[in-house]
Amino acid sequence: MREVTTERKEPRLYGMVDAWKDLTTQGEANTATAQWLIEHLLQAELTDRAVRSVRHQMNAAKPGAP
């Protein structure tokens, strides 16, 4: 199993960390059911942040950009 708690702390998704802790206290069945969705949302957030970062860098590198 991926270390989803650590991966969510890296991009400062503390609300998701707290929700994951609540979910894991409810039992293994709930965790397994929700894990794929949480991992997918985490990956989507990290990808979106990377795209925004590259876009920002490209705009900053344009000649004549403020």
PDB file of N, CA and C in Angstrom:
ATOM      1  N   MET A   1       0.848  -1.185   0.000  1.00  0.00           N
ATOM      2  CA  MET A   1       0.000   0.000   0.000  1.00  0.00           C
ATOM      3  C   MET A   1       0.886   1.238   0.000  1.00  0.00           C
ATOM      4  N   ARG A   2       0.507   2.197  -0.814  1.00  0.00           N
ATOM      5  CA  ARG A   2       1.261   3.453  -0.858  1.00  0.00           C
ATOM      6  C   ARG A   2       1.124   4.166   0.475  1.00  0.00           C
ATOM      7  N   GLU A   3       2.085   4.981   0.769  1.00  0.00           N
ATOM      8  CA  GLU A   3       2.050   5.763   2.001  1.00  0.00           C
ATOM      9  C   GLU A   3       1.276   7.052   1.723  1.00  0.00           C
ATOM     10  N   VAL A   4      -0.046   6.937   1.672  1.00  0.00           N
ATOM     11  CA  VAL A   4      -0.867   8.073   1.263  1.00  0.00           C
ATOM     12  C   VAL A   4      -0.860   9.199   2.277  1.00  0.00           C
ATOM     13  N   THR A   5      -0.697   8.894   3.536  1.00  0.00           N
ATOM     14  CA  THR A   5      -0.655   9.959   4.541  1.00  0.00           C
ATOM     15  C   THR A   5       0.552  10.862   4.301  1.00  0.00           C
ATOM     16  N   THR A   6       1.704  10.285   4.067  1.00  0.00           N
ATOM     17  CA  THR A   6       2.912  11.066   3.802  1.00  0.00           C
ATOM     18  C   THR A   6       2.786  11.835   2.503  1.00  0.00           C
ATOM     19  N   GLU A   7       2.230  11.215   1.468  1.00  0.00           N
ATOM     20  CA  GLU A   7       2.089  11.874   0.178  1.00  0.00           C
ATOM     21  C   GLU A   7       1.129  13.061   0.246  1.00  0.00           C
ATOM     22  N   ARG A   8       0.135  13.004   1.108  1.00  0.00           N
ATOM     23  CA  ARG A   8      -0.798  14.131   1.231  1.00  0.00           C
ATOM     24  C   ARG A   8      -0.206  15.258   2.051  1.00  0.00           C
ATOM     25  N   LYS A   9       0.696  14.961   2.946  1.00  0.00           N
ATOM     26  CA  LYS A   9       1.317  16.020   3.742  1.00  0.00           C
ATOM     27  C   LYS A   9       2.267  16.857   2.899  1.00  0.00           C
ATOM     28  N   GLU A  10       2.917  16.226   1.915  1.00  0.00           N
ATOM     29  CA  GLU A  10       3.884  16.939   1.087  1.00  0.00           C
ATOM     30  C   GLU A  10       3.274  18.156   0.399  1.00  0.00           C
ATOM     31  N   PRO A  11       2.117  18.023  -0.282  1.00  0.00           N
ATOM     32  CA  PRO A  11       1.523  19.214  -0.897  1.00  0.00           C
ATOM     33  C   PRO A  11       0.613  19.987   0.060  1.00  0.00           C
ATOM     34  N   ARG A  12       0.716  19.708   1.357  1.00  0.00           N
ATOM     35  CA  ARG A  12      -0.052  20.406   2.390  1.00  0.00           C
ATOM     36  C   ARG A  12      -1.558  20.213   2.220  1.00  0.00           C
ATOM     37  N   LEU A  13      -1.972  18.967   2.078  1.00  0.00           N
ATOM     38  CA  LEU A  13      -3.388  18.631   1.994  1.00  0.00           C
ATOM     39  C   LEU A  13      -3.833  18.078   3.345  1.00  0.00           C
ATOM     40  N   TYR A  14      -3.748  18.916   4.360  1.00  0.00           N
ATOM     41  CA  TYR A  14      -3.977  18.459   5.726  1.00  0.00           C
ATOM     42  C   TYR A  14      -5.418  18.026   5.971  1.00  0.00           C
ATOM     43  N   GLY A  15      -6.371  18.616   5.281  1.00  0.00           N
ATOM     44  CA  GLY A  15      -7.753  18.177   5.412  1.00  0.00           C
ATOM     45  C   GLY A  15      -7.920  16.743   4.955  1.00  0.00           C
ATOM     46  N   MET A  16      -7.240  16.390   3.870  1.00  0.00           N
ATOM     47  CA  MET A  16      -7.290  15.014   3.389  1.00  0.00           C
ATOM     48  C   MET A  16      -6.582  14.073   4.363  1.00  0.00           C
ATOM     49  N   VAL A  17      -5.519  14.533   4.992  1.00  0.00           N
ATOM     50  CA  VAL A  17      -4.805  13.711   5.969  1.00  0.00           C
ATOM     51  C   VAL A  17      -5.726  13.395   7.139  1.00  0.00           C
ATOM     52  N   ASP A  18      -6.423  14.401   7.640  1.00  0.00           N
ATOM     53  CA  ASP A  18      -7.341  14.192   8.759  1.00  0.00           C
ATOM     54  C   ASP A  18      -8.479  13.254   8.362  1.00  0.00           C
ATOM     55  N   ALA A  19      -9.019  13.431   7.156  1.00  0.00           N
ATOM     56  CA  ALA A  19     -10.102  12.566   6.688  1.00  0.00           C
ATOM     57  C   ALA A  19      -9.614  11.127   6.541  1.00  0.00           C
ATOM     58  N   TRP A  20      -8.382  10.949   6.060  1.00  0.00           N
ATOM     59  CA  TRP A  20      -7.815   9.604   5.915  1.00  0.00           C
ATOM     60  C   TRP A  20      -7.653   8.947   7.289  1.00  0.00           C
ATOM     61  N   LYS A  21      -7.198   9.710   8.280  1.00  0.00           N
ATOM     62  CA  LYS A  21      -7.053   9.154   9.626  1.00  0.00           C
ATOM     63  C   LYS A  21      -8.408   8.709  10.171  1.00  0.00           C
ATOM     64  N   ASP A  22      -9.449   9.525   9.943  1.00  0.00           N
ATOM     65  CA  ASP A  22     -10.793   9.151  10.384  1.00  0.00           C
ATOM     66  C   ASP A  22     -11.256   7.876   9.693  1.00  0.00           C
ATOM     67  N   LEU A  23     -10.983   7.784   8.405  1.00  0.00           N
ATOM     68  CA  LEU A  23     -11.396   6.627   7.628  1.00  0.00           C
ATOM     69  C   LEU A  23     -10.682   5.359   8.086  1.00  0.00           C
ATOM     70  N   THR A  24      -9.393   5.474   8.381  1.00  0.00           N
ATOM     71  CA  THR A  24      -8.646   4.282   8.800  1.00  0.00           C
ATOM     72  C   THR A  24      -9.081   3.785  10.171  1.00  0.00           C
ATOM     73  N   THR A  25      -9.623   4.646  11.002  1.00  0.00           N
ATOM     74  CA  THR A  25     -10.107   4.197  12.309  1.00  0.00           C
ATOM     75  C   THR A  25     -11.430   3.442  12.191  1.00  0.00           C
ATOM     76  N   GLN A  26     -12.108   3.589  11.055  1.00  0.00           N
ATOM     77  CA  GLN A  26     -13.391   2.910  10.861  1.00  0.00           C
ATOM     78  C   GLN A  26     -13.236   1.464  10.419  1.00  0.00           C
ATOM     79  N   GLY A  27     -12.059   1.076  10.008  1.00  0.00           N
ATOM     80  CA  GLY A  27     -11.846  -0.321   9.656  1.00  0.00           C
ATOM     81  C   GLY A  27     -11.248  -0.494   8.281  1.00  0.00           C
ATOM     82  N   GLU A  28     -10.717  -1.673   8.049  1.00  0.00           N
ATOM     83  CA  GLU A  28     -10.019  -1.994   6.803  1.00  0.00           C
ATOM     84  C   GLU A  28     -10.946  -1.951   5.588  1.00  0.00           C
ATOM     85  N   ALA A  29     -12.189  -2.368   5.731  1.00  0.00           N
ATOM     86  CA  ALA A  29     -13.114  -2.397   4.588  1.00  0.00           C
ATOM     87  C   ALA A  29     -13.337  -0.996   4.030  1.00  0.00           C
ATOM     88  N   ASN A  30     -13.543  -0.034   4.884  1.00  0.00           N
ATOM     89  CA  ASN A  30     -13.741   1.344   4.441  1.00  0.00           C
ATOM     90  C   ASN A  30     -12.484   1.909   3.798  1.00  0.00           C
ATOM     91  N   THR A  31     -11.343   1.581   4.339  1.00  0.00           N
ATOM     92  CA  THR A  31     -10.079   2.071   3.804  1.00  0.00           C
ATOM     93  C   THR A  31      -9.834   1.527   2.406  1.00  0.00           C
ATOM     94  N   ALA A  32     -10.033   0.225   2.233  1.00  0.00           N
ATOM     95  CA  ALA A  32      -9.794  -0.399   0.930  1.00  0.00           C
ATOM     96  C   ALA A  32     -10.743   0.153  -0.122  1.00  0.00           C
ATOM     97  N   THR A  33     -11.976   0.400   0.243  1.00  0.00           N
ATOM     98  CA  THR A  33     -12.955   0.922  -0.701  1.00  0.00           C
ATOM     99  C   THR A  33     -12.600   2.327  -1.157  1.00  0.00           C
ATOM    100  N   ALA A  34     -12.112   3.149  -0.263  1.00  0.00           N
ATOM    101  CA  ALA A  34     -11.842   4.545  -0.583  1.00  0.00           C
ATOM    102  C   ALA A  34     -10.420   4.799  -1.070  1.00  0.00           C
ATOM    103  N   GLN A  35      -9.535   3.854  -0.888  1.00  0.00           N
ATOM    104  CA  GLN A  35      -8.122   4.101  -1.183  1.00  0.00           C
ATOM    105  C   GLN A  35      -7.887   4.459  -2.650  1.00  0.00           C
ATOM    106  N   TRP A  36      -8.503   3.760  -3.569  1.00  0.00           N
ATOM    107  CA  TRP A  36      -8.267   4.040  -4.988  1.00  0.00           C
ATOM    108  C   TRP A  36      -8.707   5.450  -5.339  1.00  0.00           C
ATOM    109  N   LEU A  37      -9.810   5.895  -4.769  1.00  0.00           N
ATOM    110  CA  LEU A  37     -10.302   7.242  -5.060  1.00  0.00           C
ATOM    111  C   LEU A  37      -9.364   8.291  -4.473  1.00  0.00           C
ATOM    112  N   ILE A  38      -8.936   8.100  -3.269  1.00  0.00           N
ATOM    113  CA  ILE A  38      -8.042   9.063  -2.626  1.00  0.00           C
ATOM    114  C   ILE A  38      -6.711   9.133  -3.365  1.00  0.00           C
ATOM    115  N   GLU A  39      -6.177   7.983  -3.764  1.00  0.00           N
ATOM    116  CA  GLU A  39      -4.924   7.980  -4.510  1.00  0.00           C
ATOM    117  C   GLU A  39      -5.088   8.687  -5.859  1.00  0.00           C
ATOM    118  N   HIS A  40      -6.225   8.471  -6.511  1.00  0.00           N
ATOM    119  CA  HIS A  40      -6.483   9.134  -7.794  1.00  0.00           C
ATOM    120  C   HIS A  40      -6.572  10.653  -7.611  1.00  0.00           C
ATOM    121  N   LEU A  41      -7.290  11.098  -6.600  1.00  0.00           N
ATOM    122  CA  LEU A  41      -7.411  12.535  -6.335  1.00  0.00           C
ATOM    123  C   LEU A  41      -6.063  13.146  -5.968  1.00  0.00           C
ATOM    124  N   LEU A  42      -5.270  12.427  -5.197  1.00  0.00           N
ATOM    125  CA  LEU A  42      -3.941  12.908  -4.834  1.00  0.00           C
ATOM    126  C   LEU A  42      -3.066  13.058  -6.072  1.00  0.00           C
ATOM    127  N   GLN A  43      -3.081  12.056  -6.948  1.00  0.00           N
ATOM    128  CA  GLN A  43      -2.277  12.127  -8.169  1.00  0.00           C
ATOM    129  C   GLN A  43      -2.745  13.266  -9.059  1.00  0.00           C
ATOM    130  N   ALA A  44      -4.057  13.469  -9.158  1.00  0.00           N
ATOM    131  CA  ALA A  44      -4.588  14.565  -9.966  1.00  0.00           C
ATOM    132  C   ALA A  44      -4.150  15.915  -9.416  1.00  0.00           C
ATOM    133  N   GLU A  45      -4.151  16.063  -8.099  1.00  0.00           N
ATOM    134  CA  GLU A  45      -3.716  17.324  -7.475  1.00  0.00           C
ATOM    135  C   GLU A  45      -2.234  17.581  -7.740  1.00  0.00           C
ATOM    136  N   LEU A  46      -1.413  16.549  -7.587  1.00  0.00           N
ATOM    137  CA  LEU A  46       0.022  16.709  -7.818  1.00  0.00           C
ATOM    138  C   LEU A  46       0.312  17.033  -9.284  1.00  0.00           C
ATOM    139  N   THR A  47      -0.405  16.398 -10.196  1.00  0.00           N
ATOM    140  CA  THR A  47      -0.235  16.676 -11.630  1.00  0.00           C
ATOM    141  C   THR A  47      -0.654  18.099 -11.950  1.00  0.00           C
ATOM    142  N   ASP A  48      -1.783  18.531 -11.399  1.00  0.00           N
ATOM    143  CA  ASP A  48      -2.266  19.889 -11.643  1.00  0.00           C
ATOM    144  C   ASP A  48      -1.274  20.922 -11.115  1.00  0.00           C
ATOM    145  N   ARG A  49      -0.718  20.679  -9.966  1.00  0.00           N
ATOM    146  CA  ARG A  49       0.271  21.611  -9.411  1.00  0.00           C
ATOM    147  C   ARG A  49       1.518  21.676 -10.279  1.00  0.00           C
ATOM    148  N   ALA A  50       1.945  20.527 -10.807  1.00  0.00           N
ATOM    149  CA  ALA A  50       3.124  20.507 -11.672  1.00  0.00           C
ATOM    150  C   ALA A  50       2.861  21.285 -12.958  1.00  0.00           C
ATOM    151  N   VAL A  51       1.674  21.123 -13.535  1.00  0.00           N
ATOM    152  CA  VAL A  51       1.312  21.840 -14.764  1.00  0.00           C
ATOM    153  C   VAL A  51       1.273  23.341 -14.502  1.00  0.00           C
ATOM    154  N   ARG A  52       0.666  23.737 -13.389  1.00  0.00           N
ATOM    155  CA  ARG A  52       0.608  25.167 -13.064  1.00  0.00           C
ATOM    156  C   ARG A  52       1.999  25.739 -12.841  1.00  0.00           C
ATOM    157  N   SER A  53       2.881  24.968 -12.237  1.00  0.00           N
ATOM    158  CA  SER A  53       4.241  25.428 -12.007  1.00  0.00           C
ATOM    159  C   SER A  53       4.983  25.647 -13.323  1.00  0.00           C
ATOM    160  N   VAL A  54       4.858  24.695 -14.230  1.00  0.00           N
ATOM    161  CA  VAL A  54       5.518  24.829 -15.535  1.00  0.00           C
ATOM    162  C   VAL A  54       4.934  26.014 -16.291  1.00  0.00           C
ATOM    163  N   ARG A  55       3.620  26.169 -16.244  1.00  0.00           N
ATOM    164  CA  ARG A  55       2.975  27.301 -16.923  1.00  0.00           C
ATOM    165  C   ARG A  55       3.493  28.623 -16.365  1.00  0.00           C
ATOM    166  N   HIS A  56       3.624  28.698 -15.054  1.00  0.00           N
ATOM    167  CA  HIS A  56       4.132  29.918 -14.425  1.00  0.00           C
ATOM    168  C   HIS A  56       5.576  30.187 -14.863  1.00  0.00           C
ATOM    169  N   GLN A  57       6.392  29.138 -14.876  1.00  0.00           N
ATOM    170  CA  GLN A  57       7.786  29.280 -15.284  1.00  0.00           C
ATOM    171  C   GLN A  57       7.896  29.724 -16.735  1.00  0.00           C
ATOM    172  N   MET A  58       7.038  29.184 -17.595  1.00  0.00           N
ATOM    173  CA  MET A  58       7.061  29.564 -19.013  1.00  0.00           C
ATOM    174  C   MET A  58       6.668  31.026 -19.185  1.00  0.00           C
ATOM    175  N   ASN A  59       5.669  31.479 -18.445  1.00  0.00           N
ATOM    176  CA  ASN A  59       5.248  32.874 -18.526  1.00  0.00           C
ATOM    177  C   ASN A  59       6.326  33.810 -17.993  1.00  0.00           C
ATOM    178  N   ALA A  60       7.015  33.380 -16.944  1.00  0.00           N
ATOM    179  CA  ALA A  60       8.073  34.211 -16.369  1.00  0.00           C
ATOM    180  C   ALA A  60       9.288  34.281 -17.284  1.00  0.00           C
ATOM    181  N   ALA A  61       9.486  33.284 -18.109  1.00  0.00           N
ATOM    182  CA  ALA A  61      10.662  33.245 -18.992  1.00  0.00           C
ATOM    183  C   ALA A  61      10.449  33.984 -20.319  1.00  0.00           C
ATOM    184  N   LYS A  62       9.231  34.440 -20.589  1.00  0.00           N
ATOM    185  CA  LYS A  62       8.974  35.155 -21.833  1.00  0.00           C
ATOM    186  C   LYS A  62       9.709  36.491 -21.836  1.00  0.00           C
ATOM    187  N   PRO A  63      10.333  36.823 -22.956  1.00  0.00           N
ATOM    188  CA  PRO A  63      10.992  38.119 -23.033  1.00  0.00           C
ATOM    189  C   PRO A  63       9.964  39.252 -22.873  1.00  0.00           C
ATOM    190  N   GLY A  64      10.316  40.210 -22.098  1.00  0.00           N
ATOM    191  CA  GLY A  64       9.434  41.355 -21.886  1.00  0.00           C
ATOM    192  C   GLY A  64       8.356  41.105 -20.853  1.00  0.00           C
ATOM    193  N   ALA A  65       8.397  39.948 -20.199  1.00  0.00           N
ATOM    194  CA  ALA A  65       7.402  39.656 -19.170  1.00  0.00           C
ATOM    195  C   ALA A  65       7.747  40.430 -17.912  1.00  0.00           C
ATOM    196  N   PRO A  66       6.741  40.883 -17.183  1.00  0.00           N
ATOM    197  CA  PRO A  66       7.015  41.640 -15.951  1.00  0.00           C
ATOM    198  C   PRO A  66       7.591  40.789 -14.871  1.00  0.00           C
TER     199      PRO A  66
END
